[in-house]
Amino acid sequence: MSVKDKKRGRPLTEGEALSQERIIQAAKLQMKENRKVPSIRALASNLNVDAMAIYHYFKNKQALLEALTCSLVDEIYEPSCDEKWQTELQKLSASYLQLLDDYPGLLTVLLSMDSVGPAEVFQTRFEEVTQSLKLKGQAQQDAICLLVDYLHGVALAMECNPDREALNVSMTSGAITLICKAIEA
């Protein structure tokens, strides 16, 4: 498609109007299919708009990636607290790892964000799961750091390992069980 063939600005009325939500959905799809963070140009091409049209909705690529990350983090398991806290923590952890595995590059974006929103979502859900333990202050901080550092290490290892059978989310159950025992101690 040449530059002259691209639609400039807003799409015509027969197509779906360009919006933040449409851009985020397209970015999610590209990230999942291509297994990497999409470029603005690739995203614009997919949406059949000029790359500058995306900058109308997001001031820069980092702003787009932060919005994408916030949107994805909402997909993490929401604890029901109907089961034992250990089971709920297993589900929360597996859900978070699966999200990071499904969207390669997400961990890098998450760790480089200025916003703390996604981290707060995970922390809130962790606190819901471990509420019955009545962890306070430093103990609670140490528990979440232990879990998150482990999960981020596994996510990084999975992203670097092309063999999906050699390392996957289901292999973390034993380690999460040990983390549960450490948190409970």
C-alpha atoms as a PDB file:
ATOM      1  CA  MET A   1       0.000   0.000   0.000  1.00  0.00           C
ATOM      2  CA  SER A   2       1.487   3.317  -1.003  1.00  0.00           C
ATOM      3  CA  VAL A   3       1.294   6.426   1.116  1.00  0.00           C
ATOM      4  CA  LYS A   4      -1.285   7.865  -1.283  1.00  0.00           C
ATOM      5  CA  ASP A   5      -3.526   4.815  -0.823  1.00  0.00           C
ATOM      6  CA  LYS A   6      -3.634   5.185   2.952  1.00  0.00           C
ATOM      7  CA  LYS A   7      -6.502   6.967   4.546  1.00  0.00           C
ATOM      8  CA  ARG A   8      -5.417  10.112   6.308  1.00  0.00           C
ATOM      9  CA  GLY A   9      -6.991  10.982   9.653  1.00  0.00           C
ATOM     10  CA  ARG A  10     -10.382   9.592  10.507  1.00  0.00           C
ATOM     11  CA  PRO A  11     -11.793   6.731   8.417  1.00  0.00           C
ATOM     12  CA  LEU A  12     -14.751   7.487   6.178  1.00  0.00           C
ATOM     13  CA  THR A  13     -18.223   6.836   7.555  1.00  0.00           C
ATOM     14  CA  GLU A  14     -18.524   3.407   5.922  1.00  0.00           C
ATOM     15  CA  GLY A  15     -15.710   2.043   8.139  1.00  0.00           C
ATOM     16  CA  GLU A  16     -15.370   1.820  11.869  1.00  0.00           C
ATOM     17  CA  ALA A  17     -14.173   5.127  13.304  1.00  0.00           C
ATOM     18  CA  LEU A  18     -10.674   5.246  14.716  1.00  0.00           C
ATOM     19  CA  SER A  19     -10.637   5.431  18.518  1.00  0.00           C
ATOM     20  CA  GLN A  20      -8.365   4.642  21.446  1.00  0.00           C
ATOM     21  CA  GLU A  21     -10.259   1.408  22.043  1.00  0.00           C
ATOM     22  CA  ARG A  22      -9.958   0.307  18.408  1.00  0.00           C
ATOM     23  CA  ILE A  23      -6.222   1.067  18.408  1.00  0.00           C
ATOM     24  CA  ILE A  24      -5.724  -0.864  21.669  1.00  0.00           C
ATOM     25  CA  GLN A  25      -7.688  -3.858  20.366  1.00  0.00           C
ATOM     26  CA  ALA A  26      -5.648  -3.903  17.159  1.00  0.00           C
ATOM     27  CA  ALA A  27      -2.412  -3.647  19.175  1.00  0.00           C
ATOM     28  CA  LYS A  28      -3.494  -6.578  21.389  1.00  0.00           C
ATOM     29  CA  LEU A  29      -4.234  -8.703  18.347  1.00  0.00           C
ATOM     30  CA  GLN A  30      -0.938  -7.850  16.662  1.00  0.00           C
ATOM     31  CA  MET A  31       1.023  -8.430  19.858  1.00  0.00           C
ATOM     32  CA  LYS A  32      -0.548 -11.846  20.354  1.00  0.00           C
ATOM     33  CA  GLU A  33      -0.227 -12.946  16.718  1.00  0.00           C
ATOM     34  CA  ASN A  34       3.275 -11.605  16.042  1.00  0.00           C
ATOM     35  CA  ARG A  35       4.591 -12.373  19.548  1.00  0.00           C
ATOM     36  CA  LYS A  36       6.156  -8.927  19.919  1.00  0.00           C
ATOM     37  CA  VAL A  37       5.210  -5.336  20.703  1.00  0.00           C
ATOM     38  CA  PRO A  38       3.797  -3.799  17.509  1.00  0.00           C
ATOM     39  CA  SER A  39       5.403  -0.777  15.919  1.00  0.00           C
ATOM     40  CA  ILE A  40       3.279   2.310  15.342  1.00  0.00           C
ATOM     41  CA  ARG A  41       3.725   1.899  11.581  1.00  0.00           C
ATOM     42  CA  ALA A  42       2.645  -1.746  11.596  1.00  0.00           C
ATOM     43  CA  LEU A  43      -0.332  -0.868  13.759  1.00  0.00           C
ATOM     44  CA  ALA A  44      -1.300   2.021  11.476  1.00  0.00           C
ATOM     45  CA  SER A  45      -0.980  -0.211   8.435  1.00  0.00           C
ATOM     46  CA  ASN A  46      -3.211  -2.823  10.076  1.00  0.00           C
ATOM     47  CA  LEU A  47      -5.809  -0.132  10.847  1.00  0.00           C
ATOM     48  CA  ASN A  48      -5.437   1.315   7.337  1.00  0.00           C
ATOM     49  CA  VAL A  49      -4.586   4.797   8.627  1.00  0.00           C
ATOM     50  CA  ASP A  50      -1.544   7.014   8.572  1.00  0.00           C
ATOM     51  CA  ALA A  51       0.793   6.508  11.547  1.00  0.00           C
ATOM     52  CA  MET A  52       0.238  10.111  12.625  1.00  0.00           C
ATOM     53  CA  ALA A  53      -3.469   9.354  13.168  1.00  0.00           C
ATOM     54  CA  ILE A  54      -2.489   7.114  16.082  1.00  0.00           C
ATOM     55  CA  TYR A  55      -0.589  10.003  17.660  1.00  0.00           C
ATOM     56  CA  HIS A  56      -3.868  11.923  17.752  1.00  0.00           C
ATOM     57  CA  TYR A  57      -5.034   9.425  20.399  1.00  0.00           C
ATOM     58  CA  PHE A  58      -1.708   8.668  22.128  1.00  0.00           C
ATOM     59  CA  LYS A  59       1.021  11.274  22.607  1.00  0.00           C
ATOM     60  CA  ASN A  60       3.758   8.693  21.970  1.00  0.00           C
ATOM     61  CA  LYS A  61       4.373   4.954  21.698  1.00  0.00           C
ATOM     62  CA  GLN A  62       4.976   4.642  25.448  1.00  0.00           C
ATOM     63  CA  ALA A  63       1.537   6.145  26.159  1.00  0.00           C
ATOM     64  CA  LEU A  64      -0.030   3.610  23.774  1.00  0.00           C
ATOM     65  CA  LEU A  65       1.870   0.739  25.409  1.00  0.00           C
ATOM     66  CA  GLU A  66       0.835   1.870  28.892  1.00  0.00           C
ATOM     67  CA  ALA A  67      -2.829   2.027  27.813  1.00  0.00           C
ATOM     68  CA  LEU A  68      -2.464  -1.417  26.234  1.00  0.00           C
ATOM     69  CA  THR A  69      -0.892  -2.793  29.425  1.00  0.00           C
ATOM     70  CA  CYS A  70      -3.638  -1.327  31.634  1.00  0.00           C
ATOM     71  CA  SER A  71      -6.232  -2.900  29.356  1.00  0.00           C
ATOM     72  CA  LEU A  72      -4.536  -6.307  29.496  1.00  0.00           C
ATOM     73  CA  VAL A  73      -3.977  -6.332  33.260  1.00  0.00           C
ATOM     74  CA  ASP A  74      -7.737  -6.159  33.758  1.00  0.00           C
ATOM     75  CA  GLU A  75      -7.833  -9.685  32.268  1.00  0.00           C
ATOM     76  CA  ILE A  76      -5.928 -11.172  35.232  1.00  0.00           C
ATOM     77  CA  TYR A  77      -7.897 -13.641  37.361  1.00  0.00           C
ATOM     78  CA  GLU A  78     -10.247 -11.970  39.807  1.00  0.00           C
ATOM     79  CA  PRO A  79     -10.208 -13.970  43.069  1.00  0.00           C
ATOM     80  CA  SER A  80     -13.530 -15.394  44.183  1.00  0.00           C
ATOM     81  CA  CYS A  81     -12.321 -16.235  47.697  1.00  0.00           C
ATOM     82  CA  ASP A  82     -14.622 -19.290  47.619  1.00  0.00           C
ATOM     83  CA  GLU A  83     -11.603 -21.580  47.727  1.00  0.00           C
ATOM     84  CA  LYS A  84      -8.557 -21.881  49.951  1.00  0.00           C
ATOM     85  CA  TRP A  85      -6.189 -18.945  49.640  1.00  0.00           C
ATOM     86  CA  GLN A  86      -3.448 -21.220  48.260  1.00  0.00           C
ATOM     87  CA  THR A  87      -5.705 -22.330  45.391  1.00  0.00           C
ATOM     88  CA  GLU A  88      -6.682 -18.743  44.687  1.00  0.00           C
ATOM     89  CA  LEU A  89      -3.016 -17.679  44.667  1.00  0.00           C
ATOM     90  CA  GLN A  90      -2.213 -20.504  42.232  1.00  0.00           C
ATOM     91  CA  LYS A  91      -4.994 -19.267  39.916  1.00  0.00           C
ATOM     92  CA  LEU A  92      -3.929 -15.626  40.206  1.00  0.00           C
ATOM     93  CA  SER A  93      -0.297 -16.516  39.498  1.00  0.00           C
ATOM     94  CA  ALA A  94      -1.135 -18.789  36.554  1.00  0.00           C
ATOM     95  CA  SER A  95      -3.406 -16.138  35.075  1.00  0.00           C
ATOM     96  CA  TYR A  96      -0.721 -13.459  35.354  1.00  0.00           C
ATOM     97  CA  LEU A  97       1.936 -15.727  33.828  1.00  0.00           C
ATOM     98  CA  GLN A  98      -0.400 -16.763  31.017  1.00  0.00           C
ATOM     99  CA  LEU A  99      -1.064 -13.111  30.216  1.00  0.00           C
ATOM    100  CA  LEU A 100       2.670 -12.379  30.097  1.00  0.00           C
ATOM    101  CA  ASP A 101       3.197 -15.469  27.926  1.00  0.00           C
ATOM    102  CA  ASP A 102       0.353 -14.589  25.535  1.00  0.00           C
ATOM    103  CA  TYR A 103       1.663 -11.052  25.039  1.00  0.00           C
ATOM    104  CA  PRO A 104       5.458 -11.133  24.655  1.00  0.00           C
ATOM    105  CA  GLY A 105       7.038  -7.804  25.480  1.00  0.00           C
ATOM    106  CA  LEU A 106       4.321  -6.993  28.013  1.00  0.00           C
ATOM    107  CA  LEU A 107       6.627  -7.613  30.965  1.00  0.00           C
ATOM    108  CA  THR A 108       9.174  -5.116  29.629  1.00  0.00           C
ATOM    109  CA  VAL A 109       6.441  -2.514  29.164  1.00  0.00           C
ATOM    110  CA  LEU A 110       4.997  -3.255  32.600  1.00  0.00           C
ATOM    111  CA  LEU A 111       8.356  -2.821  34.315  1.00  0.00           C
ATOM    112  CA  SER A 112       9.175   0.409  32.461  1.00  0.00           C
ATOM    113  CA  MET A 113       5.843   2.150  33.037  1.00  0.00           C
ATOM    114  CA  ASP A 114       5.556   5.434  34.888  1.00  0.00           C
ATOM    115  CA  SER A 115       2.038   4.489  35.997  1.00  0.00           C
ATOM    116  CA  VAL A 116       1.606   2.091  38.901  1.00  0.00           C
ATOM    117  CA  GLY A 117      -1.955   1.134  37.901  1.00  0.00           C
ATOM    118  CA  PRO A 118      -1.246  -2.422  36.673  1.00  0.00           C
ATOM    119  CA  ALA A 119       0.929  -3.189  39.695  1.00  0.00           C
ATOM    120  CA  GLU A 120      -1.871  -1.963  41.964  1.00  0.00           C
ATOM    121  CA  VAL A 121      -4.344  -4.301  40.239  1.00  0.00           C
ATOM    122  CA  PHE A 122      -2.145  -7.325  40.924  1.00  0.00           C
ATOM    123  CA  GLN A 123      -1.355  -6.175  44.476  1.00  0.00           C
ATOM    124  CA  THR A 124      -5.036  -5.633  45.266  1.00  0.00           C
ATOM    125  CA  ARG A 125      -5.888  -9.121  44.019  1.00  0.00           C
ATOM    126  CA  PHE A 126      -2.973 -10.591  45.972  1.00  0.00           C
ATOM    127  CA  GLU A 127      -4.227  -8.853  49.127  1.00  0.00           C
ATOM    128  CA  GLU A 128      -7.745 -10.222  48.534  1.00  0.00           C
ATOM    129  CA  VAL A 129      -6.345 -13.751  48.235  1.00  0.00           C
ATOM    130  CA  THR A 130      -4.130 -13.501  51.326  1.00  0.00           C
ATOM    131  CA  GLN A 131      -6.603 -11.523  53.452  1.00  0.00           C
ATOM    132  CA  SER A 132      -7.205 -14.477  55.775  1.00  0.00           C
ATOM    133  CA  LEU A 133      -3.479 -14.483  56.699  1.00  0.00           C
ATOM    134  CA  LYS A 134      -3.750 -10.943  58.059  1.00  0.00           C
ATOM    135  CA  LEU A 135      -0.329  -9.981  56.690  1.00  0.00           C
ATOM    136  CA  LYS A 136       0.698  -6.464  57.652  1.00  0.00           C
ATOM    137  CA  GLY A 137       3.399  -4.007  56.675  1.00  0.00           C
ATOM    138  CA  GLN A 138       6.767  -5.508  55.805  1.00  0.00           C
ATOM    139  CA  ALA A 139       5.485  -9.103  55.900  1.00  0.00           C
ATOM    140  CA  GLN A 140       2.895  -8.303  53.248  1.00  0.00           C
ATOM    141  CA  GLN A 141       5.447  -6.406  51.145  1.00  0.00           C
ATOM    142  CA  ASP A 142       7.956  -9.272  51.407  1.00  0.00           C
ATOM    143  CA  ALA A 143       5.291 -11.823  50.412  1.00  0.00           C
ATOM    144  CA  ILE A 144       4.219  -9.981  47.275  1.00  0.00           C
ATOM    145  CA  CYS A 145       7.829  -9.241  46.300  1.00  0.00           C
ATOM    146  CA  LEU A 146       8.730 -12.923  46.642  1.00  0.00           C
ATOM    147  CA  LEU A 147       5.822 -13.969  44.448  1.00  0.00           C
ATOM    148  CA  VAL A 148       6.171 -11.227  41.822  1.00  0.00           C
ATOM    149  CA  ASP A 149       9.948 -11.646  41.498  1.00  0.00           C
ATOM    150  CA  TYR A 150       9.442 -15.377  40.918  1.00  0.00           C
ATOM    151  CA  LEU A 151       6.648 -14.793  38.381  1.00  0.00           C
ATOM    152  CA  HIS A 152       8.650 -12.196  36.476  1.00  0.00           C
ATOM    153  CA  GLY A 153      11.661 -14.516  36.365  1.00  0.00           C
ATOM    154  CA  VAL A 154       9.547 -17.341  34.965  1.00  0.00           C
ATOM    155  CA  ALA A 155       7.899 -14.996  32.450  1.00  0.00           C
ATOM    156  CA  LEU A 156      11.284 -13.792  31.237  1.00  0.00           C
ATOM    157  CA  ALA A 157      12.565 -17.369  30.942  1.00  0.00           C
ATOM    158  CA  MET A 158       9.447 -18.391  28.986  1.00  0.00           C
ATOM    159  CA  GLU A 159       9.819 -15.419  26.652  1.00  0.00           C
ATOM    160  CA  CYS A 160      13.463 -16.292  25.963  1.00  0.00           C
ATOM    161  CA  ASN A 161      12.788 -20.012  25.462  1.00  0.00           C
ATOM    162  CA  PRO A 162      11.288 -20.879  22.056  1.00  0.00           C
ATOM    163  CA  ASP A 163      10.489 -24.448  23.188  1.00  0.00           C
ATOM    164  CA  ARG A 164       6.940 -24.077  24.561  1.00  0.00           C
ATOM    165  CA  GLU A 165       7.055 -27.616  26.001  1.00  0.00           C
ATOM    166  CA  ALA A 166      10.300 -27.120  27.929  1.00  0.00           C
ATOM    167  CA  LEU A 167       8.929 -24.280  30.024  1.00  0.00           C
ATOM    168  CA  ASN A 168       5.304 -23.287  30.491  1.00  0.00           C
ATOM    169  CA  VAL A 169       2.838 -21.932  33.034  1.00  0.00           C
ATOM    170  CA  SER A 170       1.747 -25.369  34.271  1.00  0.00           C
ATOM    171  CA  MET A 171       5.268 -26.067  35.539  1.00  0.00           C
ATOM    172  CA  THR A 172       5.044 -23.393  38.242  1.00  0.00           C
ATOM    173  CA  SER A 173       2.575 -25.146  40.526  1.00  0.00           C
ATOM    174  CA  GLY A 174       5.218 -26.700  42.803  1.00  0.00           C
ATOM    175  CA  ALA A 175       7.153 -23.462  43.210  1.00  0.00           C
ATOM    176  CA  ILE A 176       3.956 -21.506  43.959  1.00  0.00           C
ATOM    177  CA  THR A 177       3.113 -24.121  46.608  1.00  0.00           C
ATOM    178  CA  LEU A 178       6.512 -23.491  48.226  1.00  0.00           C
ATOM    179  CA  ILE A 179       5.925 -19.728  48.061  1.00  0.00           C
ATOM    180  CA  CYS A 180       2.564 -20.264  49.779  1.00  0.00           C
ATOM    181  CA  LYS A 181       4.329 -22.159  52.580  1.00  0.00           C
ATOM    182  CA  ALA A 182       6.864 -19.340  52.936  1.00  0.00           C
ATOM    183  CA  ILE A 183       4.123 -16.718  53.063  1.00  0.00           C
ATOM    184  CA  GLU A 184       2.209 -18.697  55.671  1.00  0.00           C
ATOM    185  CA  ALA A 185       5.258 -19.238  57.888  1.00  0.00           C
END
